[in-house]
PDB file of N, CA and C in Angstrom:
ATOM      1  N   VAL A   1      19.215 -13.779 103.792  1.00  0.00           N
ATOM      2  CA  VAL A   1      18.954 -13.239 102.288  1.00  0.00           C
ATOM      3  C   VAL A   1      20.198 -13.022 101.502  1.00  0.00           C
ATOM      4  N   TYR A   2      21.223 -12.152 102.254  1.00  0.00           N
ATOM      5  CA  TYR A   2      22.540 -11.538 101.439  1.00  0.00           C
ATOM      6  C   TYR A   2      23.173 -12.893 101.119  1.00  0.00           C
ATOM      7  N   ARG A   3      23.290 -13.920 102.059  1.00  0.00           N
ATOM      8  CA  ARG A   3      23.899 -15.141 101.577  1.00  0.00           C
ATOM      9  C   ARG A   3      23.278 -15.824 100.274  1.00  0.00           C
ATOM     10  N   ALA A   4      22.079 -15.774 100.301  1.00  0.00           N
ATOM     11  CA  ALA A   4      21.357 -16.632  99.290  1.00  0.00           C
ATOM     12  C   ALA A   4      21.611 -15.564  97.966  1.00  0.00           C
ATOM     13  N   VAL A   5      21.402 -14.457  98.216  1.00  0.00           N
ATOM     14  CA  VAL A   5      21.827 -13.701  96.508  1.00  0.00           C
ATOM     15  C   VAL A   5      23.039 -13.941  96.456  1.00  0.00           C
ATOM     16  N   GLU A   6      23.786 -13.837  97.366  1.00  0.00           N
ATOM     17  CA  GLU A   6      25.233 -13.912  96.809  1.00  0.00           C
ATOM     18  C   GLU A   6      25.535 -15.172  96.144  1.00  0.00           C
ATOM     19  N   THR A   7      25.197 -16.138  96.637  1.00  0.00           N
ATOM     20  CA  THR A   7      25.248 -17.723  96.177  1.00  0.00           C
ATOM     21  C   THR A   7      24.471 -17.724  95.008  1.00  0.00           C
ATOM     22  N   ALA A   8      23.301 -17.546  94.916  1.00  0.00           N
ATOM     23  CA  ALA A   8      22.804 -17.598  93.693  1.00  0.00           C
ATOM     24  C   ALA A   8      23.149 -16.747  92.154  1.00  0.00           C
ATOM     25  N   THR A   9      23.264 -15.271  92.803  1.00  0.00           N
ATOM     26  CA  THR A   9      24.359 -14.777  91.588  1.00  0.00           C
ATOM     27  C   THR A   9      25.771 -15.190  91.429  1.00  0.00           C
ATOM     28  N   LYS A  10      26.379 -15.841  92.289  1.00  0.00           N
ATOM     29  CA  LYS A  10      27.637 -16.584  91.931  1.00  0.00           C
ATOM     30  C   LYS A  10      27.496 -17.345  90.908  1.00  0.00           C
ATOM     31  N   TYR A  11      26.533 -18.398  91.146  1.00  0.00           N
ATOM     32  CA  TYR A  11      26.269 -19.474  89.825  1.00  0.00           C
ATOM     33  C   TYR A  11      25.375 -19.078  88.707  1.00  0.00           C
ATOM     34  N   GLY A  12      25.472 -17.535  88.518  1.00  0.00           N
ATOM     35  CA  GLY A  12      24.692 -17.104  87.223  1.00  0.00           C
ATOM     36  C   GLY A  12      23.154 -17.034  87.185  1.00  0.00           C
ATOM     37  N   LEU A  13      22.476 -17.474  88.606  1.00  0.00           N
ATOM     38  CA  LEU A  13      21.194 -17.133  88.338  1.00  0.00           C
ATOM     39  C   LEU A  13      20.647 -15.973  88.711  1.00  0.00           C
ATOM     40  N   LYS A  14      19.393 -15.539  87.952  1.00  0.00           N
ATOM     41  CA  LYS A  14      18.813 -14.006  88.229  1.00  0.00           C
ATOM     42  C   LYS A  14      17.879 -14.495  89.697  1.00  0.00           C
ATOM     43  N   VAL A  15      18.091 -13.194  90.213  1.00  0.00           N
ATOM     44  CA  VAL A  15      17.411 -13.478  91.560  1.00  0.00           C
ATOM     45  C   VAL A  15      16.469 -12.136  91.989  1.00  0.00           C
ATOM     46  N   ASN A  16      14.962 -12.362  92.155  1.00  0.00           N
ATOM     47  CA  ASN A  16      14.174 -11.490  92.493  1.00  0.00           C
ATOM     48  C   ASN A  16      13.790 -11.781  93.837  1.00  0.00           C
ATOM     49  N   VAL A  17      13.829 -10.720  94.822  1.00  0.00           N
ATOM     50  CA  VAL A  17      13.635 -10.772  96.430  1.00  0.00           C
ATOM     51  C   VAL A  17      12.221  -9.920  96.383  1.00  0.00           C
ATOM     52  N   ASP A  18      11.324 -10.551  97.261  1.00  0.00           N
ATOM     53  CA  ASP A  18      10.071  -9.873  97.263  1.00  0.00           C
ATOM     54  C   ASP A  18      10.170  -9.190  98.917  1.00  0.00           C
ATOM     55  N   PHE A  19       9.712  -7.958  98.626  1.00  0.00           N
ATOM     56  CA  PHE A  19       9.228  -7.085  99.750  1.00  0.00           C
ATOM     57  C   PHE A  19       7.870  -6.472  99.846  1.00  0.00           C
ATOM     58  N   ILE A  20       7.374  -6.652 100.974  1.00  0.00           N
ATOM     59  CA  ILE A  20       5.891  -6.178 101.187  1.00  0.00           C
ATOM     60  C   ILE A  20       6.314  -4.997 102.122  1.00  0.00           C
ATOM     61  N   PHE A  21       5.660  -3.995 101.809  1.00  0.00           N
ATOM     62  CA  PHE A  21       5.584  -2.425 102.298  1.00  0.00           C
ATOM     63  C   PHE A  21       4.386  -2.373 103.021  1.00  0.00           C
ATOM     64  N   GLY A  22       4.353  -1.534 104.059  1.00  0.00           N
ATOM     65  CA  GLY A  22       3.130  -1.210 104.815  1.00  0.00           C
ATOM     66  C   GLY A  22       2.806  -2.045 106.002  1.00  0.00           C
ATOM     67  N   LEU A  23       3.524  -2.817 106.469  1.00  0.00           N
ATOM     68  CA  LEU A  23       3.072  -4.010 107.101  1.00  0.00           C
ATOM     69  C   LEU A  23       2.592  -3.524 108.812  1.00  0.00           C
ATOM     70  N   PRO A  24       1.536  -3.900 109.243  1.00  0.00           N
ATOM     71  CA  PRO A  24       0.915  -3.436 110.365  1.00  0.00           C
ATOM     72  C   PRO A  24       2.530  -3.398 111.627  1.00  0.00           C
ATOM     73  N   TYR A  25       2.468  -2.244 112.355  1.00  0.00           N
ATOM     74  CA  TYR A  25       3.632  -2.193 113.209  1.00  0.00           C
ATOM     75  C   TYR A  25       4.715  -1.607 112.612  1.00  0.00           C
ATOM     76  N   GLU A  26       5.142  -1.409 111.456  1.00  0.00           N
ATOM     77  CA  GLU A  26       6.142  -1.327 110.690  1.00  0.00           C
ATOM     78  C   GLU A  26       6.445   0.471 111.184  1.00  0.00           C
ATOM     79  N   ASN A  27       7.691   0.584 111.310  1.00  0.00           N
ATOM     80  CA  ASN A  27       7.985   2.108 112.309  1.00  0.00           C
ATOM     81  C   ASN A  27       9.064   2.291 111.218  1.00  0.00           C
ATOM     82  N   GLU A  28       9.640   3.895 111.411  1.00  0.00           N
ATOM     83  CA  GLU A  28      10.478   4.512 110.612  1.00  0.00           C
ATOM     84  C   GLU A  28      11.783   3.831 110.757  1.00  0.00           C
ATOM     85  N   ASP A  29      12.291   3.223 111.797  1.00  0.00           N
ATOM     86  CA  ASP A  29      13.545   2.309 111.648  1.00  0.00           C
ATOM     87  C   ASP A  29      13.189   1.487 111.087  1.00  0.00           C
ATOM     88  N   ASP A  30      12.110   0.440 110.728  1.00  0.00           N
ATOM     89  CA  ASP A  30      12.008  -0.562 110.073  1.00  0.00           C
ATOM     90  C   ASP A  30      12.130  -0.174 108.486  1.00  0.00           C
ATOM     91  N   ILE A  31      11.559   0.977 107.986  1.00  0.00           N
ATOM     92  CA  ILE A  31      11.821   1.510 107.096  1.00  0.00           C
ATOM     93  C   ILE A  31      13.002   1.637 106.588  1.00  0.00           C
ATOM     94  N   ASN A  32      13.712   2.455 106.914  1.00  0.00           N
ATOM     95  CA  ASN A  32      15.131   2.706 106.948  1.00  0.00           C
ATOM     96  C   ASN A  32      15.851   1.299 106.858  1.00  0.00           C
ATOM     97  N   GLN A  33      15.751   0.515 107.622  1.00  0.00           N
ATOM     98  CA  GLN A  33      16.699  -0.783 107.580  1.00  0.00           C
ATOM     99  C   GLN A  33      16.062  -1.325 105.853  1.00  0.00           C
ATOM    100  N   THR A  34      14.958  -1.403 105.728  1.00  0.00           N
ATOM    101  CA  THR A  34      14.573  -1.975 104.781  1.00  0.00           C
ATOM    102  C   THR A  34      15.176  -1.537 103.270  1.00  0.00           C
ATOM    103  N   VAL A  35      15.053   0.065 103.514  1.00  0.00           N
ATOM    104  CA  VAL A  35      15.877   0.452 102.149  1.00  0.00           C
ATOM    105  C   VAL A  35      17.190   0.358 102.110  1.00  0.00           C
ATOM    106  N   LYS A  36      17.798   0.200 103.238  1.00  0.00           N
ATOM    107  CA  LYS A  36      19.276  -0.464 103.139  1.00  0.00           C
ATOM    108  C   LYS A  36      19.606  -1.529 102.902  1.00  0.00           C
ATOM    109  N   VAL A  37      18.664  -2.590 102.830  1.00  0.00           N
ATOM    110  CA  VAL A  37      18.794  -3.992 102.535  1.00  0.00           C
ATOM    111  C   VAL A  37      18.260  -3.820 100.910  1.00  0.00           C
ATOM    112  N   ILE A  38      17.235  -3.240 100.671  1.00  0.00           N
ATOM    113  CA  ILE A  38      16.937  -3.108  99.098  1.00  0.00           C
ATOM    114  C   ILE A  38      18.282  -2.731  98.301  1.00  0.00           C
ATOM    115  N   GLU A  39      18.821  -1.602  98.726  1.00  0.00           N
ATOM    116  CA  GLU A  39      19.774  -1.018  97.867  1.00  0.00           C
ATOM    117  C   GLU A  39      21.322  -1.880  97.956  1.00  0.00           C
ATOM    118  N   ASP A  40      21.332  -2.746  99.289  1.00  0.00           N
ATOM    119  CA  ASP A  40      22.183  -3.840  99.216  1.00  0.00           C
ATOM    120  C   ASP A  40      22.006  -5.024  98.165  1.00  0.00           C
ATOM    121  N   LEU A  41      21.056  -5.125  98.265  1.00  0.00           N
ATOM    122  CA  LEU A  41      20.593  -6.615  97.324  1.00  0.00           C
ATOM    123  C   LEU A  41      20.633  -6.145  95.938  1.00  0.00           C
ATOM    124  N   ILE A  42      20.404  -5.092  95.512  1.00  0.00           N
ATOM    125  CA  ILE A  42      20.506  -4.448  94.208  1.00  0.00           C
ATOM    126  C   ILE A  42      21.844  -4.429  93.731  1.00  0.00           C
ATOM    127  N   LYS A  43      22.757  -3.810  94.460  1.00  0.00           N
ATOM    128  CA  LYS A  43      24.064  -3.973  94.370  1.00  0.00           C
ATOM    129  C   LYS A  43      24.795  -5.031  93.840  1.00  0.00           C
ATOM    130  N   MET A  44      23.982  -6.331  94.677  1.00  0.00           N
ATOM    131  CA  MET A  44      24.527  -7.867  94.634  1.00  0.00           C
ATOM    132  C   MET A  44      24.094  -8.022  93.410  1.00  0.00           C
ATOM    133  N   GLY A  45      23.160  -7.601  92.717  1.00  0.00           N
ATOM    134  CA  GLY A  45      22.518  -8.037  91.137  1.00  0.00           C
ATOM    135  C   GLY A  45      21.189  -8.625  91.224  1.00  0.00           C
ATOM    136  N   ALA A  46      20.409  -8.405  92.681  1.00  0.00           N
ATOM    137  CA  ALA A  46      19.069  -8.662  92.755  1.00  0.00           C
ATOM    138  C   ALA A  46      18.154  -7.681  92.247  1.00  0.00           C
ATOM    139  N   LYS A  47      16.987  -8.058  91.760  1.00  0.00           N
ATOM    140  CA  LYS A  47      16.144  -7.231  91.442  1.00  0.00           C
ATOM    141  C   LYS A  47      15.036  -7.670  92.722  1.00  0.00           C
ATOM    142  N   ILE A  48      14.093  -6.166  92.996  1.00  0.00           N
ATOM    143  CA  ILE A  48      13.214  -6.248  94.044  1.00  0.00           C
ATOM    144  C   ILE A  48      11.898  -6.362  93.480  1.00  0.00           C
ATOM    145  N   HIS A  49      10.859  -7.466  94.082  1.00  0.00           N
ATOM    146  CA  HIS A  49       9.709  -7.400  93.787  1.00  0.00           C
ATOM    147  C   HIS A  49       8.784  -6.981  94.789  1.00  0.00           C
ATOM    148  N   ALA A  50       8.222  -5.510  94.515  1.00  0.00           N
ATOM    149  CA  ALA A  50       7.547  -4.737  95.312  1.00  0.00           C
ATOM    150  C   ALA A  50       6.178  -5.233  95.821  1.00  0.00           C
ATOM    151  N   HIS A  51       5.744  -5.209  96.758  1.00  0.00           N
ATOM    152  CA  HIS A  51       4.051  -5.573  97.082  1.00  0.00           C
ATOM    153  C   HIS A  51       3.784  -4.568  98.381  1.00  0.00           C
ATOM    154  N   THR A  52       2.324  -4.572  98.474  1.00  0.00           N
ATOM    155  CA  THR A  52       1.900  -3.619  99.565  1.00  0.00           C
ATOM    156  C   THR A  52       1.257  -4.678 100.120  1.00  0.00           C
ATOM    157  N   PHE A  53       1.253  -4.426 101.568  1.00  0.00           N
ATOM    158  CA  PHE A  53       0.489  -5.233 102.458  1.00  0.00           C
ATOM    159  C   PHE A  53      -1.062  -5.322 102.373  1.00  0.00           C
ATOM    160  N   MET A  54      -1.589  -6.418 101.964  1.00  0.00           N
ATOM    161  CA  MET A  54      -2.947  -6.661 101.880  1.00  0.00           C
ATOM    162  C   MET A  54      -3.485  -8.009 102.952  1.00  0.00           C
ATOM    163  N   PRO A  55      -4.318  -7.486 103.673  1.00  0.00           N
ATOM    164  CA  PRO A  55      -4.447  -8.426 104.892  1.00  0.00           C
ATOM    165  C   PRO A  55      -5.627  -9.413 104.128  1.00  0.00           C
ATOM    166  N   LEU A  56      -5.153 -10.797 104.384  1.00  0.00           N
ATOM    167  CA  LEU A  56      -6.106 -11.433 104.096  1.00  0.00           C
ATOM    168  C   LEU A  56      -6.639 -12.852 105.030  1.00  0.00           C
ATOM    169  N   PRO A  57      -7.848 -13.171 104.664  1.00  0.00           N
ATOM    170  CA  PRO A  57      -8.685 -13.761 105.456  1.00  0.00           C
ATOM    171  C   PRO A  57      -8.249 -15.055 106.010  1.00  0.00           C
ATOM    172  N   GLY A  58      -8.419 -15.338 107.281  1.00  0.00           N
ATOM    173  CA  GLY A  58      -7.921 -16.498 107.716  1.00  0.00           C
ATOM    174  C   GLY A  58      -6.351 -16.332 108.295  1.00  0.00           C
ATOM    175  N   THR A  59      -5.787 -15.194 108.253  1.00  0.00           N
ATOM    176  CA  THR A  59      -4.414 -14.872 108.583  1.00  0.00           C
ATOM    177  C   THR A  59      -4.532 -14.040 110.204  1.00  0.00           C
ATOM    178  N   PRO A  60      -3.507 -14.086 110.861  1.00  0.00           N
ATOM    179  CA  PRO A  60      -3.519 -13.268 111.950  1.00  0.00           C
ATOM    180  C   PRO A  60      -3.627 -11.841 111.788  1.00  0.00           C
ATOM    181  N   PHE A  61      -3.490 -11.265 110.471  1.00  0.00           N
ATOM    182  CA  PHE A  61      -3.631  -9.681 110.084  1.00  0.00           C
ATOM    183  C   PHE A  61      -4.743  -9.299 109.536  1.00  0.00           C
ATOM    184  N   GLU A  62      -5.977 -10.744 109.461  1.00  0.00           N
ATOM    185  CA  GLU A  62      -7.005 -10.271 108.748  1.00  0.00           C
ATOM    186  C   GLU A  62      -7.916  -9.084 108.897  1.00  0.00           C
ATOM    187  N   LYS A  63      -7.669  -8.711 110.121  1.00  0.00           N
ATOM    188  CA  LYS A  63      -8.572  -7.513 110.668  1.00  0.00           C
ATOM    189  C   LYS A  63      -7.958  -6.049 110.664  1.00  0.00           C
ATOM    190  N   PHE A  64      -6.515  -6.089 110.180  1.00  0.00           N
ATOM    191  CA  PHE A  64      -6.084  -4.926 109.815  1.00  0.00           C
ATOM    192  C   PHE A  64      -6.218  -4.430 108.791  1.00  0.00           C
ATOM    193  N   PRO A  65      -6.064  -2.805 108.730  1.00  0.00           N
ATOM    194  CA  PRO A  65      -6.219  -2.204 107.467  1.00  0.00           C
ATOM    195  C   PRO A  65      -5.108  -2.456 106.526  1.00  0.00           C
ATOM    196  N   PRO A  66      -5.300  -2.328 105.226  1.00  0.00           N
ATOM    197  CA  PRO A  66      -4.143  -2.540 104.165  1.00  0.00           C
ATOM    198  C   PRO A  66      -3.155  -1.565 104.501  1.00  0.00           C
ATOM    199  N   GLY A  67      -1.824  -1.913 103.744  1.00  0.00           N
ATOM    200  CA  GLY A  67      -0.654  -1.380 104.044  1.00  0.00           C
ATOM    201  C   GLY A  67      -0.959   0.204 103.198  1.00  0.00           C
ATOM    202  N   LYS A  68      -0.102   1.192 103.575  1.00  0.00           N
ATOM    203  CA  LYS A  68       0.372   2.375 102.911  1.00  0.00           C
ATOM    204  C   LYS A  68       1.612   2.401 102.984  1.00  0.00           C
ATOM    205  N   SER A  69       2.163   2.502 101.749  1.00  0.00           N
ATOM    206  CA  SER A  69       3.718   2.693 101.453  1.00  0.00           C
ATOM    207  C   SER A  69       4.322   4.206 102.127  1.00  0.00           C
ATOM    208  N   ASP A  70       5.142   4.349 102.886  1.00  0.00           N
ATOM    209  CA  ASP A  70       5.517   5.388 103.410  1.00  0.00           C
ATOM    210  C   ASP A  70       6.205   6.352 102.368  1.00  0.00           C
ATOM    211  N   ARG A  71       5.916   7.646 102.855  1.00  0.00           N
ATOM    212  CA  ARG A  71       6.535   8.733 101.705  1.00  0.00           C
ATOM    213  C   ARG A  71       7.855   8.429 101.107  1.00  0.00           C
ATOM    214  N   TYR A  72       8.892   8.222 102.223  1.00  0.00           N
ATOM    215  CA  TYR A  72      10.121   7.818 101.825  1.00  0.00           C
ATOM    216  C   TYR A  72      10.573   6.910 101.053  1.00  0.00           C
ATOM    217  N   MET A  73       9.591   5.370 101.477  1.00  0.00           N
ATOM    218  CA  MET A  73       9.823   4.380 100.622  1.00  0.00           C
ATOM    219  C   MET A  73       9.369   4.499  99.423  1.00  0.00           C
ATOM    220  N   ARG A  74       8.219   5.343  99.043  1.00  0.00           N
ATOM    221  CA  ARG A  74       7.647   5.881  97.711  1.00  0.00           C
ATOM    222  C   ARG A  74       8.816   6.350  96.850  1.00  0.00           C
ATOM    223  N   LYS A  75       9.239   7.371  97.763  1.00  0.00           N
ATOM    224  CA  LYS A  75      10.433   7.951  96.749  1.00  0.00           C
ATOM    225  C   LYS A  75      11.618   7.191  96.320  1.00  0.00           C
ATOM    226  N   VAL A  76      12.046   6.501  97.309  1.00  0.00           N
ATOM    227  CA  VAL A  76      13.276   5.256  96.950  1.00  0.00           C
ATOM    228  C   VAL A  76      12.801   4.555  95.806  1.00  0.00           C
ATOM    229  N   ILE A  77      11.463   3.904  96.039  1.00  0.00           N
ATOM    230  CA  ILE A  77      11.096   2.784  94.663  1.00  0.00           C
ATOM    231  C   ILE A  77      10.869   3.680  93.470  1.00  0.00           C
ATOM    232  N   ASN A  78      10.211   4.624  93.645  1.00  0.00           N
ATOM    233  CA  ASN A  78       9.987   5.579  92.364  1.00  0.00           C
ATOM    234  C   ASN A  78      11.367   5.959  91.770  1.00  0.00           C
ATOM    235  N   LYS A  79      12.340   6.166  92.522  1.00  0.00           N
ATOM    236  CA  LYS A  79      13.684   6.430  91.911  1.00  0.00           C
ATOM    237  C   LYS A  79      14.369   5.134  90.989  1.00  0.00           C
ATOM    238  N   LEU A  80      14.250   3.976  91.877  1.00  0.00           N
ATOM    239  CA  LEU A  80      14.726   2.833  91.497  1.00  0.00           C
ATOM    240  C   LEU A  80      13.828   2.142  90.356  1.00  0.00           C
ATOM    241  N   LEU A  81      12.570   2.163  90.027  1.00  0.00           N
ATOM    242  CA  LEU A  81      11.687   1.786  88.814  1.00  0.00           C
ATOM    243  C   LEU A  81      12.477   2.108  87.576  1.00  0.00           C
ATOM    244  N   PRO A  82      12.603   3.297  87.394  1.00  0.00           N
ATOM    245  CA  PRO A  82      13.146   3.542  85.880  1.00  0.00           C
ATOM    246  C   PRO A  82      14.416   2.871  85.734  1.00  0.00           C
ATOM    247  N   LYS A  83      15.369   2.487  86.722  1.00  0.00           N
ATOM    248  CA  LYS A  83      16.642   1.701  86.172  1.00  0.00           C
ATOM    249  C   LYS A  83      16.137   0.008  86.074  1.00  0.00           C
ATOM    250  N   GLY A  84      14.940  -0.392  86.431  1.00  0.00           N
ATOM    251  CA  GLY A  84      14.722  -1.514  86.122  1.00  0.00           C
ATOM    252  C   GLY A  84      14.955  -2.589  87.086  1.00  0.00           C
ATOM    253  N   VAL A  85      15.343  -2.444  88.470  1.00  0.00           N
ATOM    254  CA  VAL A  85      15.593  -3.165  89.513  1.00  0.00           C
ATOM    255  C   VAL A  85      14.530  -3.374  90.490  1.00  0.00           C
ATOM    256  N   VAL A  86      13.444  -2.592  90.210  1.00  0.00           N
ATOM    257  CA  VAL A  86      12.397  -2.849  91.246  1.00  0.00           C
ATOM    258  C   VAL A  86      11.092  -3.057  90.028  1.00  0.00           C
ATOM    259  N   PHE A  87      10.187  -4.049  90.552  1.00  0.00           N
ATOM    260  CA  PHE A  87       9.170  -4.278  89.803  1.00  0.00           C
ATOM    261  C   PHE A  87       8.102  -4.600  90.747  1.00  0.00           C
ATOM    262  N   GLY A  88       6.572  -4.526  90.287  1.00  0.00           N
ATOM    263  CA  GLY A  88       5.679  -5.228  90.813  1.00  0.00           C
ATOM    264  C   GLY A  88       4.283  -4.166  90.603  1.00  0.00           C
ATOM    265  N   ASN A  89       3.275  -4.775  91.354  1.00  0.00           N
ATOM    266  CA  ASN A  89       1.818  -4.057  91.207  1.00  0.00           C
ATOM    267  C   ASN A  89       1.631  -3.013  92.538  1.00  0.00           C
ATOM    268  N   PHE A  90       2.649  -2.854  93.146  1.00  0.00           N
ATOM    269  CA  PHE A  90       2.445  -2.654  94.580  1.00  0.00           C
ATOM    270  C   PHE A  90       1.056  -1.471  94.666  1.00  0.00           C
ATOM    271  N   ARG A  91       1.493  -0.462  93.939  1.00  0.00           N
ATOM    272  CA  ARG A  91       0.171   0.893  93.871  1.00  0.00           C
ATOM    273  C   ARG A  91      -1.013   0.137  93.547  1.00  0.00           C
ATOM    274  N   GLU A  92      -1.283  -0.762  92.674  1.00  0.00           N
ATOM    275  CA  GLU A  92      -2.518  -1.279  92.548  1.00  0.00           C
ATOM    276  C   GLU A  92      -2.902  -2.108  93.343  1.00  0.00           C
ATOM    277  N   GLN A  93      -1.896  -2.904  93.885  1.00  0.00           N
ATOM    278  CA  GLN A  93      -2.506  -3.679  95.495  1.00  0.00           C
ATOM    279  C   GLN A  93      -2.987  -2.744  96.587  1.00  0.00           C
ATOM    280  N   GLU A  94      -2.053  -1.592  96.847  1.00  0.00           N
ATOM    281  CA  GLU A  94      -2.525  -0.778  97.675  1.00  0.00           C
ATOM    282  C   GLU A  94      -3.980  -0.157  97.699  1.00  0.00           C
ATOM    283  N   GLU A  95      -4.361   0.395  96.036  1.00  0.00           N
ATOM    284  CA  GLU A  95      -5.392   0.919  95.775  1.00  0.00           C
ATOM    285  C   GLU A  95      -6.642  -0.152  95.864  1.00  0.00           C
ATOM    286  N   ILE A  96      -6.564  -1.440  95.390  1.00  0.00           N
ATOM    287  CA  ILE A  96      -7.509  -2.561  95.193  1.00  0.00           C
ATOM    288  C   ILE A  96      -7.646  -2.941  97.098  1.00  0.00           C
ATOM    289  N   ALA A  97      -6.602  -3.111  97.546  1.00  0.00           N
ATOM    290  CA  ALA A  97      -6.792  -3.418  99.105  1.00  0.00           C
ATOM    291  C   ALA A  97      -7.764  -2.417  99.809  1.00  0.00           C
ATOM    292  N   TRP A  98      -7.629  -1.320  99.724  1.00  0.00           N
ATOM    293  CA  TRP A  98      -8.491  -0.288 100.516  1.00  0.00           C
ATOM    294  C   TRP A  98      -9.727  -0.309  99.941  1.00  0.00           C
ATOM    295  N   LYS A  99     -10.005  -0.317  98.706  1.00  0.00           N
ATOM    296  CA  LYS A  99     -11.082  -0.629  98.165  1.00  0.00           C
ATOM    297  C   LYS A  99     -12.017  -1.766  98.827  1.00  0.00           C
ATOM    298  N   LEU A 100     -11.377  -2.776  99.018  1.00  0.00           N
ATOM    299  CA  LEU A 100     -11.918  -3.988  99.487  1.00  0.00           C
ATOM    300  C   LEU A 100     -12.089  -3.730 100.916  1.00  0.00           C
ATOM    301  N   TYR A 101     -11.213  -3.215 101.602  1.00  0.00           N
ATOM    302  CA  TYR A 101     -11.161  -2.746 103.121  1.00  0.00           C
ATOM    303  C   TYR A 101     -12.642  -1.832 103.350  1.00  0.00           C
ATOM    304  N   ASN A 102     -12.567  -0.957 102.593  1.00  0.00           N
ATOM    305  CA  ASN A 102     -13.645   0.030 102.879  1.00  0.00           C
ATOM    306  C   ASN A 102     -15.069  -0.483 102.712  1.00  0.00           C
ATOM    307  N   TYR A 103     -14.973  -1.521 101.655  1.00  0.00           N
ATOM    308  CA  TYR A 103     -16.438  -2.017 101.058  1.00  0.00           C
ATOM    309  C   TYR A 103     -16.891  -3.074 102.266  1.00  0.00           C
ATOM    310  N   PHE A 104     -15.908  -4.115 102.628  1.00  0.00           N
ATOM    311  CA  PHE A 104     -16.251  -4.881 103.892  1.00  0.00           C
ATOM    312  C   PHE A 104     -16.274  -4.235 104.996  1.00  0.00           C
ATOM    313  N   SER A 105     -15.821  -2.917 105.438  1.00  0.00           N
ATOM    314  CA  SER A 105     -15.877  -2.371 106.700  1.00  0.00           C
ATOM    315  C   SER A 105     -17.460  -1.778 106.693  1.00  0.00           C
ATOM    316  N   SER A 106     -17.619  -1.347 105.866  1.00  0.00           N
ATOM    317  CA  SER A 106     -19.272  -0.807 105.717  1.00  0.00           C
ATOM    318  C   SER A 106     -20.242  -2.002 105.914  1.00  0.00           C
ATOM    319  N   LYS A 107     -20.043  -2.915 105.360  1.00  0.00           N
ATOM    320  CA  LYS A 107     -20.848  -4.150 105.349  1.00  0.00           C
ATOM    321  C   LYS A 107     -21.155  -4.322 106.810  1.00  0.00           C
ATOM    322  N   GLU A 108     -19.836  -4.269 107.648  1.00  0.00           N
ATOM    323  CA  GLU A 108     -19.976  -4.904 108.936  1.00  0.00           C
ATOM    324  C   GLU A 108     -20.464  -3.594 109.811  1.00  0.00           C
ATOM    325  N   ALA A 109     -20.747  -2.555 109.314  1.00  0.00           N
ATOM    326  CA  ALA A 109     -21.338  -1.280 110.411  1.00  0.00           C
ATOM    327  C   ALA A 109     -22.745  -1.683 110.395  1.00  0.00           C
TER     328      ALA A 109
END
C-alpha cells in the first residue's frame, strides 16, 4: 500500500485508500497498527475512505455480527474528519448493519 500511494502521488494522482473498521477478530494491536498506517498514508498525501464491517450473505463472514468501531479508532477518525483527509458513511453503515442484523436475527429465533 505504501509503495502504491507513493507511486500514485508521485505522478500527481489523487489517492483514496479504503479501510474497514470492526472486522471480526480485530484486536487492540490491529487497531493501533491501523491507526499508524492511516496516519502514515495521510502524510503521504492519501485520503482515507472509512467503512464499518457489514457481514454480507454468501461470504465467510455472513454469520458474524456487524462491526463496531473501537472508541480509540472513533476518536482518531473524528479528529481527522474536519481536516478533510477522511470521508465515508461508516457511522451510517454501522447503524444500518446492526438494524439488519437484529431484524434477521429475530426472524431466525
